[in-house]
Amino acid sequence: MSDRMQIDDPVLWPYWEAAQRRSLVVQRCQACGHHQHYPRPFCLECDADTLEWVETKGQGTVHSVTTVHVQLLPELKPPYQVALIDLDEGPRLVAGIDGPPGAPPCAIGDRVTVTWREREGLPPLPNFTKATP
């Protein structure tokens, strides 16, 4: 699925609109309070369709991380890290890990904070960087 198709999907549109404002949002079920990401038209916990978009703190913990050594896109020069991030609100998402050159890589259990990777003509992508203690 192309980035343009994702942005044009009505279920995903509020997510990308928030990203334009550098705000990381997830869905919360008004019936049971469950938070979820990847956006869907129904709650994964109780099947209700009463979902609302809520802003996250943009903080989480690295659940799993890998270093990519193959160039998949021209703008992603290897090596770079990709991680599963457990947001403080509950959902888990996949995102890139940013850090200064030569900095130690992220590890499982590290606390991270959202940053944004700019893209020409498209909303920015959420990435994460190690949180400062």
N, C-alpha and C. Protein backbone atom coordinates (compact mmCIF):
# COMPACT_ATOMS: atom_id res chain seq x y z
N MET A 1 0.84 -1.17 0.00
CA MET A 1 0.00 0.00 0.00
C MET A 1 0.89 1.24 0.00
N SER A 2 0.60 2.16 -0.87
CA SER A 2 1.43 3.36 -0.96
C SER A 2 1.08 4.33 0.17
N ASP A 3 2.02 5.25 0.45
CA ASP A 3 1.77 6.26 1.49
C ASP A 3 0.55 7.09 1.14
N ARG A 4 0.37 7.42 -0.14
CA ARG A 4 -0.77 8.23 -0.55
C ARG A 4 -2.09 7.50 -0.27
N MET A 5 -2.15 6.18 -0.51
CA MET A 5 -3.36 5.41 -0.25
C MET A 5 -3.67 5.40 1.24
N GLN A 6 -2.65 5.28 2.09
CA GLN A 6 -2.86 5.28 3.53
C GLN A 6 -3.44 6.61 3.99
N ILE A 7 -2.93 7.70 3.46
CA ILE A 7 -3.38 9.02 3.86
C ILE A 7 -4.82 9.25 3.41
N ASP A 8 -5.21 8.69 2.29
CA ASP A 8 -6.56 8.87 1.76
C ASP A 8 -7.58 7.93 2.38
N ASP A 9 -7.17 6.96 3.17
CA ASP A 9 -8.08 6.04 3.84
C ASP A 9 -8.84 6.80 4.93
N PRO A 10 -10.19 6.81 4.89
CA PRO A 10 -10.94 7.59 5.88
C PRO A 10 -10.73 7.13 7.33
N VAL A 11 -10.41 5.87 7.55
CA VAL A 11 -10.15 5.40 8.91
C VAL A 11 -8.83 5.98 9.42
N LEU A 12 -7.85 6.14 8.53
CA LEU A 12 -6.52 6.63 8.92
C LEU A 12 -6.39 8.15 8.86
N TRP A 13 -7.32 8.82 8.20
CA TRP A 13 -7.18 10.25 7.96
C TRP A 13 -6.94 11.05 9.24
N PRO A 14 -7.67 10.81 10.35
CA PRO A 14 -7.39 11.58 11.57
C PRO A 14 -5.97 11.37 12.11
N TYR A 15 -5.43 10.17 11.92
CA TYR A 15 -4.06 9.89 12.36
C TYR A 15 -3.08 10.79 11.61
N TRP A 16 -3.22 10.85 10.28
CA TRP A 16 -2.30 11.65 9.47
C TRP A 16 -2.51 13.14 9.67
N GLU A 17 -3.75 13.55 9.92
CA GLU A 17 -4.03 14.95 10.21
C GLU A 17 -3.30 15.37 11.49
N ALA A 18 -3.35 14.50 12.51
CA ALA A 18 -2.64 14.78 13.76
C ALA A 18 -1.13 14.80 13.54
N ALA A 19 -0.63 13.90 12.70
CA ALA A 19 0.81 13.86 12.41
C ALA A 19 1.27 15.18 11.78
N GLN A 20 0.42 15.78 10.98
CA GLN A 20 0.76 17.09 10.39
C GLN A 20 1.05 18.11 11.50
N ARG A 21 0.39 17.96 12.64
CA ARG A 21 0.58 18.87 13.79
C ARG A 21 1.66 18.34 14.74
N ARG A 22 2.33 17.26 14.35
CA ARG A 22 3.35 16.60 15.19
C ARG A 22 2.73 16.09 16.49
N SER A 23 1.54 15.50 16.35
CA SER A 23 0.83 14.93 17.48
C SER A 23 0.61 13.44 17.20
N LEU A 24 1.03 12.58 18.11
CA LEU A 24 0.84 11.14 17.97
C LEU A 24 -0.46 10.75 18.65
N VAL A 25 -1.42 10.27 17.86
CA VAL A 25 -2.74 9.91 18.39
C VAL A 25 -2.99 8.43 18.21
N VAL A 26 -3.85 7.89 19.07
CA VAL A 26 -4.33 6.51 18.97
C VAL A 26 -5.85 6.56 19.18
N GLN A 27 -6.49 5.45 18.88
CA GLN A 27 -7.92 5.36 19.12
C GLN A 27 -8.18 4.86 20.55
N ARG A 28 -9.26 5.39 21.15
CA ARG A 28 -9.72 4.91 22.46
C ARG A 28 -11.21 4.61 22.33
N CYS A 29 -11.59 3.45 22.83
CA CYS A 29 -12.98 3.03 22.80
C CYS A 29 -13.75 3.74 23.90
N GLN A 30 -14.83 4.40 23.55
CA GLN A 30 -15.64 5.09 24.54
C GLN A 30 -16.45 4.10 25.38
N ALA A 31 -16.66 2.88 24.86
CA ALA A 31 -17.44 1.89 25.61
C ALA A 31 -16.61 1.20 26.69
N CYS A 32 -15.37 0.81 26.37
CA CYS A 32 -14.59 0.02 27.35
C CYS A 32 -13.27 0.67 27.75
N GLY A 33 -12.86 1.77 27.09
CA GLY A 33 -11.64 2.46 27.46
C GLY A 33 -10.37 1.91 26.83
N HIS A 34 -10.48 0.86 26.02
CA HIS A 34 -9.31 0.25 25.37
C HIS A 34 -8.67 1.22 24.38
N HIS A 35 -7.32 1.33 24.43
CA HIS A 35 -6.56 2.10 23.45
C HIS A 35 -6.04 1.15 22.39
N GLN A 36 -6.03 1.58 21.12
CA GLN A 36 -5.52 0.70 20.07
C GLN A 36 -4.83 1.49 18.97
N HIS A 37 -3.90 0.79 18.36
CA HIS A 37 -3.20 1.25 17.16
C HIS A 37 -2.80 -0.02 16.44
N TYR A 38 -3.03 -0.15 15.35
CA TYR A 38 -3.35 0.41 14.07
C TYR A 38 -4.84 0.75 14.05
N PRO A 39 -5.20 1.92 13.52
CA PRO A 39 -6.60 2.34 13.54
C PRO A 39 -7.52 1.37 12.80
N ARG A 40 -8.69 1.20 13.39
CA ARG A 40 -9.72 0.33 12.82
C ARG A 40 -11.09 0.98 13.05
N PRO A 41 -12.12 0.51 12.35
CA PRO A 41 -13.45 1.09 12.54
C PRO A 41 -14.19 0.52 13.76
N PHE A 42 -13.57 -0.39 14.51
CA PHE A 42 -14.21 -1.01 15.67
C PHE A 42 -13.15 -1.29 16.73
N CYS A 43 -13.60 -1.49 17.96
CA CYS A 43 -12.70 -1.78 19.07
C CYS A 43 -12.29 -3.24 19.04
N LEU A 44 -11.00 -3.49 19.15
CA LEU A 44 -10.51 -4.87 19.17
C LEU A 44 -10.85 -5.59 20.47
N GLU A 45 -11.15 -4.83 21.52
CA GLU A 45 -11.44 -5.42 22.82
C GLU A 45 -12.91 -5.83 22.96
N CYS A 46 -13.84 -4.94 22.52
CA CYS A 46 -15.27 -5.20 22.76
C CYS A 46 -16.14 -5.11 21.52
N ASP A 47 -15.54 -4.84 20.36
CA ASP A 47 -16.24 -4.73 19.07
C ASP A 47 -17.13 -3.50 18.94
N ALA A 48 -17.11 -2.59 19.88
CA ALA A 48 -17.91 -1.37 19.77
C ALA A 48 -17.37 -0.50 18.65
N ASP A 49 -18.23 0.33 18.11
CA ASP A 49 -17.79 1.25 17.05
C ASP A 49 -17.74 2.70 17.56
N THR A 50 -17.65 2.86 18.87
CA THR A 50 -17.61 4.19 19.49
C THR A 50 -16.17 4.56 19.82
N LEU A 51 -15.39 4.78 18.78
CA LEU A 51 -13.97 5.11 18.95
C LEU A 51 -13.75 6.60 18.83
N GLU A 52 -12.81 7.10 19.63
CA GLU A 52 -12.41 8.49 19.54
C GLU A 52 -10.89 8.54 19.42
N TRP A 53 -10.37 9.64 18.91
CA TRP A 53 -8.93 9.83 18.78
C TRP A 53 -8.43 10.61 19.99
N VAL A 54 -7.37 10.11 20.61
CA VAL A 54 -6.79 10.79 21.77
C VAL A 54 -5.29 10.95 21.56
N GLU A 55 -4.79 12.07 22.04
CA GLU A 55 -3.35 12.33 21.93
C GLU A 55 -2.60 11.51 22.97
N THR A 56 -1.49 10.93 22.57
CA THR A 56 -0.63 10.21 23.50
C THR A 56 0.39 11.17 24.10
N LYS A 57 1.08 10.69 25.14
CA LYS A 57 2.19 11.47 25.71
C LYS A 57 3.40 11.41 24.78
N GLY A 58 3.37 10.47 23.82
CA GLY A 58 4.51 10.34 22.91
C GLY A 58 5.70 9.67 23.57
N GLN A 59 5.44 8.87 24.60
CA GLN A 59 6.50 8.19 25.32
C GLN A 59 6.18 6.71 25.42
N GLY A 60 7.24 5.90 25.49
CA GLY A 60 7.03 4.47 25.60
C GLY A 60 8.32 3.75 25.93
N THR A 61 8.24 2.43 25.79
CA THR A 61 9.36 1.55 26.10
C THR A 61 9.63 0.64 24.91
N VAL A 62 10.90 0.43 24.60
CA VAL A 62 11.27 -0.45 23.50
C VAL A 62 10.96 -1.90 23.90
N HIS A 63 10.09 -2.54 23.13
CA HIS A 63 9.73 -3.94 23.35
C HIS A 63 10.69 -4.86 22.60
N SER A 64 11.04 -4.46 21.38
CA SER A 64 11.95 -5.23 20.53
C SER A 64 12.60 -4.25 19.57
N VAL A 65 13.82 -4.55 19.15
CA VAL A 65 14.53 -3.64 18.26
C VAL A 65 15.44 -4.44 17.34
N THR A 66 15.59 -3.95 16.12
CA THR A 66 16.50 -4.58 15.18
C THR A 66 17.24 -3.49 14.41
N THR A 67 18.42 -3.82 13.95
CA THR A 67 19.19 -2.92 13.10
C THR A 67 19.08 -3.41 11.67
N VAL A 68 18.66 -2.51 10.78
CA VAL A 68 18.48 -2.83 9.37
C VAL A 68 19.75 -2.45 8.63
N HIS A 69 20.28 -3.40 7.84
CA HIS A 69 21.53 -3.18 7.10
C HIS A 69 21.33 -3.12 5.59
N VAL A 70 20.09 -3.25 5.14
CA VAL A 70 19.77 -3.24 3.71
C VAL A 70 19.00 -1.96 3.41
N GLN A 71 19.38 -1.27 2.34
CA GLN A 71 18.68 -0.04 1.99
C GLN A 71 17.39 -0.40 1.25
N LEU A 72 16.25 -0.08 1.90
CA LEU A 72 14.94 -0.37 1.32
C LEU A 72 14.34 0.83 0.62
N LEU A 73 14.67 2.03 1.10
CA LEU A 73 14.19 3.27 0.51
C LEU A 73 15.36 4.23 0.37
N PRO A 74 15.33 5.09 -0.66
CA PRO A 74 16.45 6.02 -0.85
C PRO A 74 16.71 6.92 0.36
N GLU A 75 15.65 7.30 1.06
CA GLU A 75 15.85 8.21 2.20
C GLU A 75 16.30 7.51 3.48
N LEU A 76 16.33 6.19 3.49
CA LEU A 76 16.77 5.44 4.68
C LEU A 76 18.12 4.78 4.41
N LYS A 77 19.15 5.46 4.82
CA LYS A 77 20.51 4.94 4.62
C LYS A 77 20.87 4.01 5.77
N PRO A 78 21.24 2.77 5.47
CA PRO A 78 21.60 1.83 6.55
C PRO A 78 22.97 2.18 7.12
N PRO A 79 23.25 1.73 8.31
CA PRO A 79 22.34 0.98 9.19
C PRO A 79 21.40 1.92 9.93
N TYR A 80 20.18 1.45 10.20
CA TYR A 80 19.23 2.20 11.02
C TYR A 80 18.43 1.21 11.85
N GLN A 81 17.83 1.73 12.91
CA GLN A 81 17.08 0.87 13.82
C GLN A 81 15.58 1.02 13.62
N VAL A 82 14.88 -0.11 13.78
CA VAL A 82 13.43 -0.14 13.79
C VAL A 82 13.02 -0.89 15.06
N ALA A 83 12.00 -0.38 15.74
CA ALA A 83 11.62 -0.98 17.02
C ALA A 83 10.12 -1.14 17.14
N LEU A 84 9.73 -2.08 17.98
CA LEU A 84 8.36 -2.17 18.48
C LEU A 84 8.34 -1.35 19.76
N ILE A 85 7.48 -0.35 19.80
CA ILE A 85 7.40 0.56 20.94
C ILE A 85 6.08 0.31 21.66
N ASP A 86 6.15 0.03 22.96
CA ASP A 86 4.97 -0.05 23.80
C ASP A 86 4.69 1.34 24.34
N LEU A 87 3.67 2.01 23.77
CA LEU A 87 3.32 3.33 24.25
C LEU A 87 2.81 3.26 25.68
N ASP A 88 2.99 4.31 26.44
CA ASP A 88 2.52 4.35 27.82
C ASP A 88 1.01 4.14 27.91
N GLU A 89 0.29 4.50 26.86
CA GLU A 89 -1.16 4.33 26.84
C GLU A 89 -1.58 2.90 26.54
N GLY A 90 -0.63 2.03 26.13
CA GLY A 90 -0.95 0.62 25.92
C GLY A 90 -0.65 0.06 24.56
N PRO A 91 -1.02 0.76 23.46
CA PRO A 91 -0.78 0.17 22.15
C PRO A 91 0.71 0.00 21.84
N ARG A 92 0.99 -0.94 20.98
CA ARG A 92 2.35 -1.20 20.50
C ARG A 92 2.39 -0.77 19.04
N LEU A 93 3.43 -0.05 18.64
CA LEU A 93 3.58 0.34 17.25
C LEU A 93 5.01 0.16 16.78
N VAL A 94 5.15 0.08 15.46
CA VAL A 94 6.47 -0.04 14.82
C VAL A 94 6.92 1.36 14.42
N ALA A 95 8.17 1.68 14.71
CA ALA A 95 8.70 3.00 14.34
C ALA A 95 10.20 2.93 14.22
N GLY A 96 10.74 3.90 13.50
CA GLY A 96 12.18 4.04 13.42
C GLY A 96 12.72 4.64 14.71
N ILE A 97 13.99 4.40 14.94
CA ILE A 97 14.69 4.96 16.10
C ILE A 97 15.74 5.93 15.58
N ASP A 98 15.67 7.17 16.05
CA ASP A 98 16.65 8.19 15.68
C ASP A 98 17.65 8.36 16.80
N GLY A 99 18.81 8.77 16.44
CA GLY A 99 19.82 9.07 17.44
C GLY A 99 20.99 9.75 16.78
N PRO A 100 21.78 10.46 17.55
CA PRO A 100 22.94 11.13 16.98
C PRO A 100 23.95 10.11 16.47
N PRO A 101 24.69 10.44 15.41
CA PRO A 101 25.70 9.52 14.90
C PRO A 101 26.67 9.12 16.01
N GLY A 102 26.97 7.85 16.08
CA GLY A 102 27.91 7.34 17.06
C GLY A 102 27.29 7.07 18.42
N ALA A 103 26.01 7.44 18.60
CA ALA A 103 25.36 7.18 19.89
C ALA A 103 25.10 5.69 20.01
N PRO A 104 25.09 5.16 21.24
CA PRO A 104 24.78 3.75 21.39
C PRO A 104 23.36 3.46 20.91
N PRO A 105 23.15 2.31 20.30
CA PRO A 105 21.82 1.99 19.80
C PRO A 105 20.84 1.78 20.95
N CYS A 106 19.56 1.86 20.62
CA CYS A 106 18.53 1.57 21.62
C CYS A 106 18.54 0.08 21.92
N ALA A 107 18.07 -0.25 23.10
CA ALA A 107 18.00 -1.64 23.52
C ALA A 107 16.62 -1.91 24.11
N ILE A 108 16.27 -3.18 24.19
CA ILE A 108 15.00 -3.58 24.80
C ILE A 108 14.95 -2.99 26.21
N GLY A 109 13.81 -2.39 26.54
CA GLY A 109 13.62 -1.80 27.85
C GLY A 109 13.93 -0.31 27.93
N ASP A 110 14.61 0.24 26.91
CA ASP A 110 14.91 1.68 26.92
C ASP A 110 13.63 2.49 26.83
N ARG A 111 13.61 3.60 27.54
CA ARG A 111 12.51 4.56 27.42
C ARG A 111 12.78 5.45 26.22
N VAL A 112 11.73 5.76 25.45
CA VAL A 112 11.86 6.55 24.23
C VAL A 112 10.77 7.62 24.17
N THR A 113 11.05 8.65 23.37
CA THR A 113 10.13 9.77 23.16
C THR A 113 9.96 9.98 21.66
N VAL A 114 8.75 10.35 21.25
CA VAL A 114 8.46 10.52 19.83
C VAL A 114 9.23 11.72 19.26
N THR A 115 9.70 11.54 18.03
CA THR A 115 10.26 12.59 17.20
C THR A 115 9.55 12.44 15.86
N TRP A 116 9.87 13.27 14.90
CA TRP A 116 9.16 13.22 13.61
C TRP A 116 10.15 13.22 12.46
N ARG A 117 9.95 12.29 11.52
CA ARG A 117 10.76 12.22 10.29
C ARG A 117 9.98 12.92 9.18
N GLU A 118 10.54 14.01 8.71
CA GLU A 118 9.89 14.80 7.66
C GLU A 118 9.92 14.05 6.34
N ARG A 119 8.85 14.22 5.54
CA ARG A 119 8.76 13.62 4.20
C ARG A 119 8.19 14.68 3.26
N GLU A 120 8.80 14.80 2.11
CA GLU A 120 8.36 15.81 1.16
C GLU A 120 6.99 15.45 0.59
N GLY A 121 6.03 16.38 0.75
CA GLY A 121 4.70 16.20 0.18
C GLY A 121 3.81 15.24 0.95
N LEU A 122 4.27 14.71 2.08
CA LEU A 122 3.48 13.77 2.89
C LEU A 122 3.61 14.16 4.36
N PRO A 123 2.66 13.73 5.19
CA PRO A 123 2.80 14.00 6.63
C PRO A 123 4.05 13.33 7.18
N PRO A 124 4.61 13.88 8.25
CA PRO A 124 5.79 13.26 8.85
C PRO A 124 5.45 11.92 9.48
N LEU A 125 6.48 11.08 9.62
CA LEU A 125 6.32 9.78 10.27
C LEU A 125 6.80 9.87 11.72
N PRO A 126 6.08 9.23 12.64
CA PRO A 126 6.59 9.20 14.01
C PRO A 126 7.81 8.29 14.10
N ASN A 127 8.85 8.78 14.67
CA ASN A 127 10.05 8.04 15.02
C ASN A 127 10.27 8.24 16.50
N PHE A 128 11.22 7.54 17.06
CA PHE A 128 11.49 7.70 18.49
C PHE A 128 12.98 7.86 18.72
N THR A 129 13.30 8.49 19.84
CA THR A 129 14.67 8.64 20.28
C THR A 129 14.72 8.30 21.77
N LYS A 130 15.91 7.89 22.24
CA LYS A 130 16.04 7.58 23.66
C LYS A 130 15.63 8.78 24.49
N ALA A 131 14.87 8.51 25.54
CA ALA A 131 14.47 9.56 26.45
C ALA A 131 15.66 9.94 27.33
N THR A 132 15.75 11.21 27.66
CA THR A 132 16.82 11.64 28.55
C THR A 132 16.37 11.37 29.98
N PRO A 133 17.28 10.82 30.80
CA PRO A 133 16.90 10.47 32.17
C PRO A 133 16.56 11.68 33.02
